Structure formats: structure tokens, C-alpha cells
C-alpha atoms as a PDB file:
ATOM      1  CA  MET A   1      79.981 107.938  84.504  1.00  0.00           C
ATOM      2  CA  LEU A   2      81.109 111.431  85.450  1.00  0.00           C
ATOM      3  CA  PHE A   3      81.162 112.811  88.995  1.00  0.00           C
ATOM      4  CA  PHE A   4      81.938 116.311  90.303  1.00  0.00           C
ATOM      5  CA  HIS A   5      83.111 116.389  93.926  1.00  0.00           C
ATOM      6  CA  ASP A   6      83.605 119.396  96.145  1.00  0.00           C
ATOM      7  CA  CYS A   7      84.757 119.518  99.744  1.00  0.00           C
ATOM      8  CA  SER A   8      81.439 119.971 101.502  1.00  0.00           C
ATOM      9  CA  ILE A   9      78.648 118.021  99.827  1.00  0.00           C
ATOM     10  CA  LYS A  10      78.559 114.282  99.281  1.00  0.00           C
ATOM     11  CA  ASN A  11      77.726 113.622  95.656  1.00  0.00           C
ATOM     12  CA  ASP A  12      76.879 110.118  94.445  1.00  0.00           C
ATOM     13  CA  GLU A  13      74.882 111.273  91.435  1.00  0.00           C
ATOM     14  CA  PRO A  14      76.598 111.233  88.034  1.00  0.00           C
ATOM     15  CA  VAL A  15      76.645 114.355  85.898  1.00  0.00           C
ATOM     16  CA  THR A  16      74.099 114.311  83.088  1.00  0.00           C
ATOM     17  CA  ASP A  17      73.996 118.000  82.152  1.00  0.00           C
ATOM     18  CA  PHE A  18      76.770 118.684  79.644  1.00  0.00           C
ATOM     19  CA  SER A  19      75.744 122.267  78.938  1.00  0.00           C
ATOM     20  CA  VAL A  20      78.045 123.664  81.655  1.00  0.00           C
ATOM     21  CA  THR A  21      80.957 125.580  80.087  1.00  0.00           C
ATOM     22  CA  SER A  22      83.273 125.706  83.111  1.00  0.00           C
ATOM     23  CA  VAL A  23      84.135 123.724  86.190  1.00  0.00           C
ATOM     24  CA  PRO A  24      81.436 124.319  88.827  1.00  0.00           C
ATOM     25  CA  GLU A  25      82.469 126.462  91.771  1.00  0.00           C
ATOM     26  CA  GLY A  26      83.886 124.496  94.685  1.00  0.00           C
ATOM     27  CA  VAL A  27      84.669 121.375  92.653  1.00  0.00           C
ATOM     28  CA  ILE A  28      88.211 120.135  93.292  1.00  0.00           C
ATOM     29  CA  TRP A  29      87.873 116.548  92.054  1.00  0.00           C
ATOM     30  CA  ILE A  30      86.426 115.238  88.802  1.00  0.00           C
ATOM     31  CA  ASP A  31      86.089 111.470  88.681  1.00  0.00           C
ATOM     32  CA  LEU A  32      85.420 109.603  85.426  1.00  0.00           C
ATOM     33  CA  LEU A  33      84.400 105.954  85.747  1.00  0.00           C
ATOM     34  CA  SER A  34      84.380 104.069  82.447  1.00  0.00           C
ATOM     35  CA  PRO A  35      83.602 107.362  80.709  1.00  0.00           C
ATOM     36  CA  THR A  36      81.706 107.671  77.483  1.00  0.00           C
ATOM     37  CA  PRO A  37      83.200 109.734  74.620  1.00  0.00           C
ATOM     38  CA  GLU A  38      80.678 112.476  75.379  1.00  0.00           C
ATOM     39  CA  GLU A  39      81.750 112.676  79.007  1.00  0.00           C
ATOM     40  CA  VAL A  40      85.413 112.822  78.019  1.00  0.00           C
ATOM     41  CA  ARG A  41      84.767 115.620  75.518  1.00  0.00           C
ATOM     42  CA  HIS A  42      82.796 117.561  78.124  1.00  0.00           C
ATOM     43  CA  VAL A  43      85.573 117.377  80.736  1.00  0.00           C
ATOM     44  CA  GLU A  44      88.212 118.281  78.146  1.00  0.00           C
ATOM     45  CA  ALA A  45      86.126 121.264  77.079  1.00  0.00           C
ATOM     46  CA  ILE A  46      85.659 122.718  80.579  1.00  0.00           C
ATOM     47  CA  THR A  47      89.247 122.057  81.705  1.00  0.00           C
ATOM     48  CA  SER A  48      91.164 122.648  78.429  1.00  0.00           C
ATOM     49  CA  LEU A  49      93.078 119.427  79.075  1.00  0.00           C
ATOM     50  CA  THR A  50      93.512 116.251  77.042  1.00  0.00           C
ATOM     51  CA  LEU A  51      92.531 113.279  79.152  1.00  0.00           C
ATOM     52  CA  PRO A  52      94.475 109.999  78.953  1.00  0.00           C
ATOM     53  CA  THR A  53      92.892 107.058  77.165  1.00  0.00           C
ATOM     54  CA  ALA A  54      92.663 103.467  78.376  1.00  0.00           C
ATOM     55  CA  GLU A  55      95.455 102.507  75.966  1.00  0.00           C
ATOM     56  CA  SER A  56      97.819 105.214  77.202  1.00  0.00           C
ATOM     57  CA  LEU A  57      97.125 104.352  80.833  1.00  0.00           C
ATOM     58  CA  SER A  58      98.048 100.712  80.186  1.00  0.00           C
ATOM     59  CA  GLU A  59     101.542 101.550  78.955  1.00  0.00           C
ATOM     60  CA  ILE A  60     104.306 100.501  81.324  1.00  0.00           C
ATOM     61  CA  GLU A  61     107.066 102.969  80.403  1.00  0.00           C
ATOM     62  CA  THR A  62     107.808 105.486  83.134  1.00  0.00           C
ATOM     63  CA  SER A  63     107.742 108.306  80.586  1.00  0.00           C
ATOM     64  CA  SER A  64     104.181 107.311  79.676  1.00  0.00           C
ATOM     65  CA  ARG A  65     102.994 106.980  83.260  1.00  0.00           C
ATOM     66  CA  LEU A  66     104.567 110.192  84.533  1.00  0.00           C
ATOM     67  CA  HIS A  67     104.737 113.374  82.464  1.00  0.00           C
ATOM     68  CA  THR A  68     103.658 116.999  82.406  1.00  0.00           C
ATOM     69  CA  GLY A  69     101.865 119.134  79.855  1.00  0.00           C
ATOM     70  CA  ASP A  70      99.411 122.036  79.566  1.00  0.00           C
ATOM     71  CA  GLY A  71     100.231 123.120  83.105  1.00  0.00           C
ATOM     72  CA  ALA A  72      99.166 119.777  84.572  1.00  0.00           C
ATOM     73  CA  ILE A  73     100.847 116.680  85.978  1.00  0.00           C
ATOM     74  CA  PHE A  74      99.772 113.419  84.324  1.00  0.00           C
ATOM     75  CA  MET A  75     100.250 110.225  86.331  1.00  0.00           C
ATOM     76  CA  SER A  76      98.972 106.663  86.206  1.00  0.00           C
ATOM     77  CA  ALA A  77      99.288 103.450  88.205  1.00  0.00           C
ATOM     78  CA  PRO A  78      97.838  99.925  88.017  1.00  0.00           C
ATOM     79  CA  LEU A  79      95.428  99.357  90.895  1.00  0.00           C
ATOM     80  CA  VAL A  80      93.715  96.140  91.988  1.00  0.00           C
ATOM     81  CA  SER A  81      89.941  95.863  91.942  1.00  0.00           C
ATOM     82  CA  LYS A  82      87.756  92.980  93.165  1.00  0.00           C
ATOM     83  CA  SER A  83      90.573  91.991  95.513  1.00  0.00           C
ATOM     84  CA  THR A  84      88.173  90.181  97.851  1.00  0.00           C
ATOM     85  CA  THR A  85      87.032  87.815  95.103  1.00  0.00           C
ATOM     86  CA  SER A  86      88.763  84.784  93.647  1.00  0.00           C
ATOM     87  CA  ALA A  87      89.513  86.718  90.459  1.00  0.00           C
ATOM     88  CA  PRO A  88      91.065  90.130  91.247  1.00  0.00           C
ATOM     89  CA  VAL A  89      91.510  92.475  88.317  1.00  0.00           C
ATOM     90  CA  VAL A  90      94.334  94.933  87.639  1.00  0.00           C
ATOM     91  CA  SER A  91      92.964  98.168  86.236  1.00  0.00           C
ATOM     92  CA  PRO A  92      94.998 101.237  85.201  1.00  0.00           C
ATOM     93  CA  VAL A  93      93.973 104.534  86.781  1.00  0.00           C
ATOM     94  CA  GLY A  94      94.963 107.962  85.495  1.00  0.00           C
ATOM     95  CA  PHE A  95      95.511 111.058  87.641  1.00  0.00           C
ATOM     96  CA  VAL A  96      95.642 114.589  86.220  1.00  0.00           C
ATOM     97  CA  LEU A  97      96.645 117.192  88.788  1.00  0.00           C
ATOM     98  CA  THR A  98      96.539 120.962  88.344  1.00  0.00           C
ATOM     99  CA  ARG A  99      96.761 123.833  90.790  1.00  0.00           C
ATOM    100  CA  THR A 100      93.023 123.836  91.337  1.00  0.00           C
ATOM    101  CA  LEU A 101      91.739 120.473  90.183  1.00  0.00           C
ATOM    102  CA  LEU A 102      92.263 116.716  90.437  1.00  0.00           C
ATOM    103  CA  ILE A 103      90.931 114.565  87.605  1.00  0.00           C
ATOM    104  CA  THR A 104      90.865 110.767  87.809  1.00  0.00           C
ATOM    105  CA  VAL A 105      90.135 108.382  84.943  1.00  0.00           C
ATOM    106  CA  ARG A 106      89.384 104.773  85.813  1.00  0.00           C
ATOM    107  CA  PHE A 107      87.648 101.808  84.228  1.00  0.00           C
ATOM    108  CA  SER A 108      86.556  99.706  87.197  1.00  0.00           C
ATOM    109  CA  GLU A 109      84.999 100.134  90.620  1.00  0.00           C
ATOM    110  CA  LEU A 110      87.616 100.706  93.307  1.00  0.00           C
ATOM    111  CA  ALA A 111      86.836 100.569  97.024  1.00  0.00           C
ATOM    112  CA  ALA A 112      89.434 103.246  97.818  1.00  0.00           C
ATOM    113  CA  PHE A 113      87.549 105.810  95.715  1.00  0.00           C
ATOM    114  CA  ALA A 114      84.307 105.109  97.563  1.00  0.00           C
ATOM    115  CA  THR A 115      86.151 105.424 100.876  1.00  0.00           C
ATOM    116  CA  PHE A 116      87.657 108.778  99.943  1.00  0.00           C
ATOM    117  CA  THR A 117      84.280 110.039  98.709  1.00  0.00           C
ATOM    118  CA  GLU A 118      82.948 109.363 102.212  1.00  0.00           C
ATOM    119  CA  ARG A 119      85.908 111.120 103.830  1.00  0.00           C
ATOM    120  CA  MET A 120      85.658 114.262 101.726  1.00  0.00           C
ATOM    121  CA  THR A 121      82.653 115.664 103.540  1.00  0.00           C
ATOM    122  CA  LYS A 122      84.127 115.052 106.999  1.00  0.00           C
ATOM    123  CA  SER A 123      85.912 117.973 108.546  1.00  0.00           C
ATOM    124  CA  GLY A 124      89.663 117.658 109.049  1.00  0.00           C
ATOM    125  CA  THR A 125      90.151 114.511 106.975  1.00  0.00           C
ATOM    126  CA  PHE A 126      92.091 116.213 104.175  1.00  0.00           C
ATOM    127  CA  HIS A 127      93.204 119.641 102.954  1.00  0.00           C
ATOM    128  CA  HIS A 128      90.602 121.285 100.702  1.00  0.00           C
ATOM    129  CA  SER A 129      92.802 121.723  97.633  1.00  0.00           C
ATOM    130  CA  SER A 130      93.718 119.701  94.563  1.00  0.00           C
ATOM    131  CA  PRO A 131      97.030 118.510  96.086  1.00  0.00           C
ATOM    132  CA  GLY A 132      95.107 117.738  99.279  1.00  0.00           C
ATOM    133  CA  ALA A 133      92.556 115.733  97.315  1.00  0.00           C
ATOM    134  CA  PHE A 134      95.322 113.811  95.546  1.00  0.00           C
ATOM    135  CA  VAL A 135      97.066 113.059  98.844  1.00  0.00           C
ATOM    136  CA  GLY A 136      93.795 112.074 100.514  1.00  0.00           C
ATOM    137  CA  LEU A 137      92.854 109.740  97.650  1.00  0.00           C
ATOM    138  CA  THR A 138      96.344 108.225  97.653  1.00  0.00           C
ATOM    139  CA  ASP A 139      96.066 107.667 101.400  1.00  0.00           C
ATOM    140  CA  ALA A 140      92.766 105.808 100.863  1.00  0.00           C
ATOM    141  CA  ILE A 141      94.418 103.694  98.158  1.00  0.00           C
ATOM    142  CA  LEU A 142      97.304 102.761 100.469  1.00  0.00           C
ATOM    143  CA  ASP A 143      94.845 101.941 103.266  1.00  0.00           C
ATOM    144  CA  ARG A 144      93.007  99.617 100.914  1.00  0.00           C
ATOM    145  CA  MET A 145      96.262  97.938  99.871  1.00  0.00           C
ATOM    146  CA  ALA A 146      97.165  97.461 103.527  1.00  0.00           C
ATOM    147  CA  ASP A 147      93.798  95.782 104.189  1.00  0.00           C
ATOM    148  CA  VAL A 148      94.297  93.430 101.233  1.00  0.00           C
ATOM    149  CA  LEU A 149      97.820  92.562 102.368  1.00  0.00           C
ATOM    150  CA  GLU A 150      96.537  91.829 105.871  1.00  0.00           C
ATOM    151  CA  ARG A 151      94.063  89.328 104.421  1.00  0.00           C
ATOM    152  CA  VAL A 152      96.837  87.759 102.366  1.00  0.00           C
ATOM    153  CA  GLY A 153      98.939  87.464 105.517  1.00  0.00           C
ATOM    154  CA  ASP A 154      96.045  85.826 107.392  1.00  0.00           C
ATOM    155  CA  GLU A 155      95.497  83.371 104.535  1.00  0.00           C
ATOM    156  CA  LEU A 156      99.180  82.435 104.490  1.00  0.00           C
ATOM    157  CA  ALA A 157      99.125  81.990 108.273  1.00  0.00           C
ATOM    158  CA  ILE A 158      96.244  79.490 107.965  1.00  0.00           C
ATOM    159  CA  ILE A 159      98.028  77.614 105.184  1.00  0.00           C
ATOM    160  CA  SER A 160     101.264  77.604 107.194  1.00  0.00           C
ATOM    161  CA  HIS A 161      99.494  76.103 110.211  1.00  0.00           C
ATOM    162  CA  ARG A 162      97.959  73.346 108.101  1.00  0.00           C
ATOM    163  CA  THR A 163     101.223  72.656 106.286  1.00  0.00           C
ATOM    164  CA  PHE A 164     103.555  72.492 109.265  1.00  0.00           C
ATOM    165  CA  ARG A 165     101.374  70.635 111.766  1.00  0.00           C
ATOM    166  CA  SER A 166     103.364  67.707 113.151  1.00  0.00           C
ATOM    167  CA  GLU A 167     100.902  65.047 112.016  1.00  0.00           C
ATOM    168  CA  HIS A 168     101.434  66.111 108.453  1.00  0.00           C
ATOM    169  CA  LEU A 169     105.007  64.962 108.728  1.00  0.00           C
ATOM    170  CA  ASP A 170     104.090  61.512 110.039  1.00  0.00           C
ATOM    171  CA  ILE A 171     104.675  59.160 107.131  1.00  0.00           C
ATOM    172  CA  LYS A 172     102.281  56.626 108.652  1.00  0.00           C
ATOM    173  CA  SER A 173      99.474  59.142 109.068  1.00  0.00           C
ATOM    174  CA  GLN A 174      96.430  58.990 106.875  1.00  0.00           C
ATOM    175  CA  ARG A 175      95.446  62.618 107.445  1.00  0.00           C
ATOM    176  CA  ALA A 176      93.607  64.586 104.776  1.00  0.00           C
ATOM    177  CA  ILE A 177      96.774  66.503 103.921  1.00  0.00           C
ATOM    178  CA  LYS A 178      97.910  63.397 102.074  1.00  0.00           C
ATOM    179  CA  ASP A 179      94.902  63.533  99.850  1.00  0.00           C
ATOM    180  CA  SER A 180      95.990  64.782  96.454  1.00  0.00           C
ATOM    181  CA  ALA A 181      92.881  66.944  96.028  1.00  0.00           C
ATOM    182  CA  GLU A 182      93.636  68.874  99.225  1.00  0.00           C
ATOM    183  CA  MET A 183      97.276  69.281  98.234  1.00  0.00           C
ATOM    184  CA  ARG A 184      96.209  70.752  94.910  1.00  0.00           C
ATOM    185  CA  SER A 185      93.824  73.044  96.793  1.00  0.00           C
ATOM    186  CA  ILE A 186      96.636  74.235  99.070  1.00  0.00           C
ATOM    187  CA  LEU A 187      98.896  74.884  96.108  1.00  0.00           C
ATOM    188  CA  ARG A 188      96.172  76.918  94.412  1.00  0.00           C
ATOM    189  CA  ARG A 189      95.594  78.955  97.582  1.00  0.00           C
ATOM    190  CA  ILE A 190      99.296  79.669  97.920  1.00  0.00           C
ATOM    191  CA  GLY A 191      99.454  80.617  94.254  1.00  0.00           C
ATOM    192  CA  ARG A 192      96.496  82.992  94.527  1.00  0.00           C
ATOM    193  CA  ALA A 193      97.953  84.646  97.631  1.00  0.00           C
ATOM    194  CA  GLY A 194     101.352  85.033  95.980  1.00  0.00           C
ATOM    195  CA  ASP A 195      99.826  86.416  92.787  1.00  0.00           C
ATOM    196  CA  LEU A 196      97.753  88.973  94.705  1.00  0.00           C
ATOM    197  CA  ALA A 197     100.752  90.048  96.793  1.00  0.00           C
ATOM    198  CA  SER A 198     102.837  90.449  93.641  1.00  0.00           C
ATOM    199  CA  THR A 199     100.095  92.529  92.018  1.00  0.00           C
ATOM    200  CA  ILE A 200      99.848  94.761  95.085  1.00  0.00           C
ATOM    201  CA  ARG A 201     103.592  95.256  94.900  1.00  0.00           C
ATOM    202  CA  ASP A 202     103.281  96.525  91.318  1.00  0.00           C
ATOM    203  CA  SER A 203     100.556  98.904  92.457  1.00  0.00           C
ATOM    204  CA  LEU A 204     102.703 100.097  95.357  1.00  0.00           C
ATOM    205  CA  LEU A 205     105.569 100.789  92.992  1.00  0.00           C
ATOM    206  CA  GLY A 206     103.289 102.884  90.784  1.00  0.00           C
ATOM    207  CA  VAL A 207     101.790 104.808  93.698  1.00  0.00           C
ATOM    208  CA  ASN A 208     105.211 105.473  95.214  1.00  0.00           C
ATOM    209  CA  ARG A 209     106.431 106.849  91.891  1.00  0.00           C
ATOM    210  CA  MET A 210     103.387 109.096  91.641  1.00  0.00           C
ATOM    211  CA  ILE A 211     103.906 110.502  95.144  1.00  0.00           C
ATOM    212  CA  ALA A 212     107.577 111.236  94.465  1.00  0.00           C
ATOM    213  CA  TYR A 213     106.818 112.766  91.063  1.00  0.00           C
ATOM    214  CA  MET A 214     104.002 114.947  92.377  1.00  0.00           C
ATOM    215  CA  SER A 215     105.936 116.125  95.429  1.00  0.00           C
ATOM    216  CA  GLY A 216     108.799 117.289  93.221  1.00  0.00           C
ATOM    217  CA  LEU A 217     106.849 119.101  90.519  1.00  0.00           C
ATOM    218  CA  ALA A 218     104.000 120.489  92.608  1.00  0.00           C
ATOM    219  CA  GLU A 219     106.103 121.639  95.548  1.00  0.00           C
ATOM    220  CA  GLU A 220     105.560 125.344  94.790  1.00  0.00           C
ATOM    221  CA  TRP A 221     101.766 125.156  94.847  1.00  0.00           C
ATOM    222  CA  THR A 222     101.386 122.393  97.419  1.00  0.00           C
ATOM    223  CA  PRO A 223      99.978 123.789 100.702  1.00  0.00           C
ATOM    224  CA  THR A 224     102.320 123.658 103.648  1.00  0.00           C
ATOM    225  CA  GLU A 225      99.871 121.492 105.576  1.00  0.00           C
ATOM    226  CA  VAL A 226      99.975 118.834 102.856  1.00  0.00           C
ATOM    227  CA  LYS A 227     103.753 118.415 102.620  1.00  0.00           C
ATOM    228  CA  PRO A 228     104.195 116.434 105.890  1.00  0.00           C
ATOM    229  CA  VAL A 229     101.367 114.135 104.806  1.00  0.00           C
ATOM    230  CA  ILE A 230     103.195 113.415 101.543  1.00  0.00           C
ATOM    231  CA  LYS A 231     106.263 112.296 103.492  1.00  0.00           C
ATOM    232  CA  THR A 232     104.065 110.066 105.655  1.00  0.00           C
ATOM    233  CA  LEU A 233     102.537 108.514 102.551  1.00  0.00           C
ATOM    234  CA  ARG A 234     105.973 107.734 101.121  1.00  0.00           C
ATOM    235  CA  ASP A 235     106.976 106.092 104.403  1.00  0.00           C
ATOM    236  CA  ASP A 236     103.752 104.078 104.423  1.00  0.00           C
ATOM    237  CA  ALA A 237     104.329 102.927 100.851  1.00  0.00           C
ATOM    238  CA  MET A 238     107.875 101.821 101.688  1.00  0.00           C
ATOM    239  CA  SER A 239     106.740  99.928 104.790  1.00  0.00           C
ATOM    240  CA  LEU A 240     104.012  98.175 102.781  1.00  0.00           C
ATOM    241  CA  ASN A 241     106.590  97.277 100.166  1.00  0.00           C
ATOM    242  CA  ASP A 242     108.747  95.675 102.872  1.00  0.00           C
ATOM    243  CA  TYR A 243     105.708  93.743 104.098  1.00  0.00           C
ATOM    244  CA  VAL A 244     105.007  92.510 100.569  1.00  0.00           C
ATOM    245  CA  THR A 245     108.596  91.268 100.379  1.00  0.00           C
ATOM    246  CA  HIS A 246     108.026  89.353 103.623  1.00  0.00           C
ATOM    247  CA  LEU A 247     104.820  87.841 102.215  1.00  0.00           C
ATOM    248  CA  ASN A 248     106.550  86.818  98.992  1.00  0.00           C
ATOM    249  CA  ASN A 249     109.270  85.081 101.003  1.00  0.00           C
ATOM    250  CA  LYS A 250     106.598  83.257 103.000  1.00  0.00           C
ATOM    251  CA  VAL A 251     104.814  82.239  99.811  1.00  0.00           C
ATOM    252  CA  GLN A 252     108.058  80.763  98.491  1.00  0.00           C
ATOM    253  CA  LEU A 253     108.631  78.909 101.783  1.00  0.00           C
ATOM    254  CA  LEU A 254     105.128  77.434 101.718  1.00  0.00           C
ATOM    255  CA  LEU A 255     105.469  76.425  98.080  1.00  0.00           C
ATOM    256  CA  ASP A 256     108.751  74.654  98.793  1.00  0.00           C
ATOM    257  CA  ALA A 257     107.317  72.985 101.909  1.00  0.00           C
ATOM    258  CA  THR A 258     104.137  71.813 100.175  1.00  0.00           C
ATOM    259  CA  LEU A 259     106.020  70.473  97.181  1.00  0.00           C
ATOM    260  CA  GLY A 260     108.434  68.775  99.588  1.00  0.00           C
ATOM    261  CA  LEU A 261     105.560  67.081 101.425  1.00  0.00           C
ATOM    262  CA  ILE A 262     104.092  65.945  98.122  1.00  0.00           C
ATOM    263  CA  SER A 263     107.497  64.532  97.171  1.00  0.00           C
ATOM    264  CA  ILE A 264     107.728  62.697 100.505  1.00  0.00           C
ATOM    265  CA  GLU A 265     104.303  61.140  99.987  1.00  0.00           C
ATOM    266  CA  GLN A 266     105.258  60.071  96.484  1.00  0.00           C
ATOM    267  CA  ASN A 267     108.481  58.552  97.822  1.00  0.00           C
ATOM    268  CA  ASN A 268     106.498  56.672 100.455  1.00  0.00           C
ATOM    269  CA  THR A 269     104.250  55.244  97.757  1.00  0.00           C
ATOM    270  CA  PHE A 270     107.222  54.142  95.665  1.00  0.00           C
ATOM    271  CA  ARG A 271     108.866  52.644  98.751  1.00  0.00           C
ATOM    272  CA  ILE A 272     105.801  50.509  99.488  1.00  0.00           C
ATOM    273  CA  LEU A 273     105.719  49.354  95.892  1.00  0.00           C
ATOM    274  CA  THR A 274     109.432  48.541  96.074  1.00  0.00           C
ATOM    275  CA  ILE A 275     109.011  46.510  99.280  1.00  0.00           C
ATOM    276  CA  VAL A 276     106.095  44.593  97.787  1.00  0.00           C
ATOM    277  CA  SER A 277     108.018  43.845  94.616  1.00  0.00           C
ATOM    278  CA  VAL A 278     111.164  42.774  96.489  1.00  0.00           C
ATOM    279  CA  ALA A 279     109.147  40.587  98.891  1.00  0.00           C
ATOM    280  CA  GLY A 280     107.486  38.945  95.898  1.00  0.00           C
ATOM    281  CA  ILE A 281     110.748  37.906  94.213  1.00  0.00           C
ATOM    282  CA  PRO A 282     111.692  34.896  96.468  1.00  0.00           C
ATOM    283  CA  PRO A 283     108.211  33.271  96.210  1.00  0.00           C
ATOM    284  CA  THR A 284     108.336  33.737  92.475  1.00  0.00           C
ATOM    285  CA  LEU A 285     111.754  32.093  92.380  1.00  0.00           C
ATOM    286  CA  VAL A 286     110.528  29.093  94.418  1.00  0.00           C
ATOM    287  CA  ALA A 287     107.414  28.699  92.273  1.00  0.00           C
ATOM    288  CA  SER A 288     109.559  28.920  89.145  1.00  0.00           C
ATOM    289  CA  LEU A 289     111.924  26.187  90.388  1.00  0.00           C
ATOM    290  CA  TYR A 290     109.086  23.772  91.091  1.00  0.00           C
ATOM    291  CA  GLY A 291     107.423  24.689  87.851  1.00  0.00           C
ATOM    292  CA  MET A 292     110.275  23.233  85.786  1.00  0.00           C
ATOM    293  CA  ASN A 293     109.371  20.049  83.917  1.00  0.00           C
ATOM    294  CA  PHE A 294     112.420  17.909  84.669  1.00  0.00           C
ATOM    295  CA  LYS A 295     111.943  14.150  84.742  1.00  0.00           C
ATOM    296  CA  TYR A 296     113.790  13.570  88.011  1.00  0.00           C
ATOM    297  CA  MET A 297     112.570  15.915  90.771  1.00  0.00           C
ATOM    298  CA  PRO A 298     112.555  14.223  94.204  1.00  0.00           C
ATOM    299  CA  GLU A 299     109.679  16.337  95.491  1.00  0.00           C
ATOM    300  CA  LEU A 300     107.322  15.013  92.766  1.00  0.00           C
ATOM    301  CA  ASP A 301     107.122  11.651  94.522  1.00  0.00           C
ATOM    302  CA  TRP A 302     106.711  13.055  98.026  1.00  0.00           C
ATOM    303  CA  ALA A 303     103.331  12.741  99.703  1.00  0.00           C
ATOM    304  CA  TRP A 304     103.989  16.127 101.347  1.00  0.00           C
ATOM    305  CA  GLY A 305     105.556  17.687  98.275  1.00  0.00           C
ATOM    306  CA  TYR A 306     102.706  20.086  97.600  1.00  0.00           C
ATOM    307  CA  PRO A 307     102.446  21.368 101.207  1.00  0.00           C
ATOM    308  CA  TRP A 308     106.235  21.613 101.198  1.00  0.00           C
ATOM    309  CA  GLY A 309     106.154  23.844  98.128  1.00  0.00           C
ATOM    310  CA  LEU A 310     103.407  26.053  99.523  1.00  0.00           C
ATOM    311  CA  GLY A 311     105.181  26.385 102.851  1.00  0.00           C
ATOM    312  CA  LEU A 312     108.462  27.234 101.174  1.00  0.00           C
ATOM    313  CA  ILE A 313     106.742  29.920  99.091  1.00  0.00           C
ATOM    314  CA  ALA A 314     105.086  31.430 102.181  1.00  0.00           C
ATOM    315  CA  LEU A 315     108.335  31.304 104.158  1.00  0.00           C
ATOM    316  CA  SER A 316     110.285  32.959 101.344  1.00  0.00           C
ATOM    317  CA  ALA A 317     107.755  35.815 101.370  1.00  0.00           C
ATOM    318  CA  ILE A 318     107.642  36.255 105.153  1.00  0.00           C
ATOM    319  CA  ILE A 319     111.402  36.282 105.769  1.00  0.00           C
ATOM    320  CA  PRO A 320     112.066  39.437 103.618  1.00  0.00           C
ATOM    321  CA  LEU A 321     109.153  41.236 105.290  1.00  0.00           C
ATOM    322  CA  ILE A 322     110.543  40.401 108.737  1.00  0.00           C
ATOM    323  CA  TRP A 323     113.966  41.600 107.620  1.00  0.00           C
ATOM    324  CA  PHE A 324     112.535  44.918 106.318  1.00  0.00           C
ATOM    325  CA  LYS A 325     110.658  45.384 109.569  1.00  0.00           C
ATOM    326  CA  PHE A 326     113.756  44.664 111.626  1.00  0.00           C
ATOM    327  CA  ARG A 327     115.785  47.202 109.667  1.00  0.00           C
ATOM    328  CA  GLY A 328     113.027  49.818 109.911  1.00  0.00           C
ATOM    329  CA  TRP A 329     112.502  50.014 106.162  1.00  0.00           C
ATOM    330  CA  SER A 330     108.741  49.459 106.328  1.00  0.00           C
END
């Protein structure tokens, strides 16, 4: 789909008329969402620019993500879509910035773009120029990343509370945390949170590079009112990057703690099995002694020989258990 956006009218209708030979008056942002070849050719014809393809946007080299040509600045960054679902998707987004126009090429729905589309028609939300549109869109992207990171932080806080509650550390407790299914669920939640935070960090790195690259090359034709906003955006990106580092450290702590609790529970299980096996050795020894088929065994002629054997077996099992209890091993 192809959208033309100006600074005064909200436009949610895609462009279907490809007979226009120039960029419509007032348009400062052209947005292509999963564009068809016809839409790409139309935009290239009216702007005299070569738009990036999905393959070129997916390249990870800095020289491929940031370069200039034909009087325009070409930038790209991986952004996260469907971040509120259980299966977020990383989608590359291309930005082409000229003195008068911002062109974006994307292949998935992104909440930040919808947010900025709403802001465009509100007075005073951004400078009505192509650099202003780029800065405003970048600000919406960073706001969206901040919201996602806040949810990740809340999720980790819930997991941390469940992991470090005192009853979870009680080896005699039969709480649900000891259930293997819940432990696997906690590990998956930690893994998803860590994966999303790591993905956001990659996006932040790309956005920060774009801001720095644009501010250096477009300084001459960037309006004075926009320049302080660019510095604010760079500071915001750096602060979000620091927060992601904090989240990654917390993810690692929770992983270590959860795996440690699982190890403790496994050790408890093995300890119980060890106690049972050790307590079963003396009765086995007694039963083995009286199971020998020697001709002369005094107990064979005793009237109380059988009760004696049973009592001795029971006593040999109880004494080790009492000893383990006395030493605090059980």
C-alpha cells in the first residue's frame, strides 16, 4: 500500500491513482507498506530516486544500512512488530530523506507509524519539514520501544517476585514452584522477555546510528528548531539502551536463580532416594544372613526365631532413619 501524508490532513486512504507525475503539493512523507512493484515504480518515477528493496534492507553491514546517493540519505533499521504478542517479528524498515521529502519502506504494520500519523495533523507536535517528519517518526518509534521495555520490566518484576518468595526456598515446601511444568513456564517467560529486550536493543542501535548519520549529513538543511530535538532523541536512545542493559542483567539473574532452584529440587530428590537406599541396606543384610541355607543355625530351632528376624529387620531399618533425623540429614 502507498500513502501520501502532508502536515494538515489525516490520510488513511492508500493511493490508487498512479497517473500523477510529481509529488502532490504539501506532501512531506511517502509511506510504502508492503509495496507492490507498481507502487514502487510510481514513487521512483515521481521522486527520481531508487527505493531500497526488502533484500537490501535486511543487510547488516553499516555501509548497506547508511549511505547517500542522488541527493538523498538512505538509512535502514530493524524494528519490532507484534511486540505485544507471543511471537514478535523483526522487520527491516528503510528511510529515504531528502531536503523536501521523507520516504519510508516497510513490510509489516508498526504501531509507531500509526501513532505518528495521528500526531501529524496536531499543531505543534513536529516541524513541518522532511527532517521534522523524520525526527517526529523517530520519536514515535523510540516511544514505542520505551513502552515495550516497560512491559518487559513489569514481566520480569512479576517473575522475580515469584522466584524469590521465601517459601520457594523452603526445601520441605510443596508449593507449585516445585512443579516442573511451572518451572518450564517460568523459564520460557524469562527467555521470551530476554529475547524481546535483546531485539529492542538491536533496534535501538540501528535507530541511534540513523539519528547520528542524519544529523551529520543533513545539518545544512535541517531547520534550527529541529536540531535540539535531534539531541534529545539521541539522549533518549542512550538512556533506553542503558535500561535494556539493566533488563538483560536481570534476565541473567533470573535465569541463574531459576536454574539454581531447579538444581536444588533435583538434589532434594536425589537425597531422598539416597536416604531410602541407605536405610534399606541393613534390613537387606539381615534378611540375607537369615536366608543362608546352613545346616546349623541356632535361630532355626527357636520358637521365636521368626519374630526375632522380623524385629531385627525392622530395628535395622529404624535406627538409620533415627540417626539421619538426629543429624538433620532428612
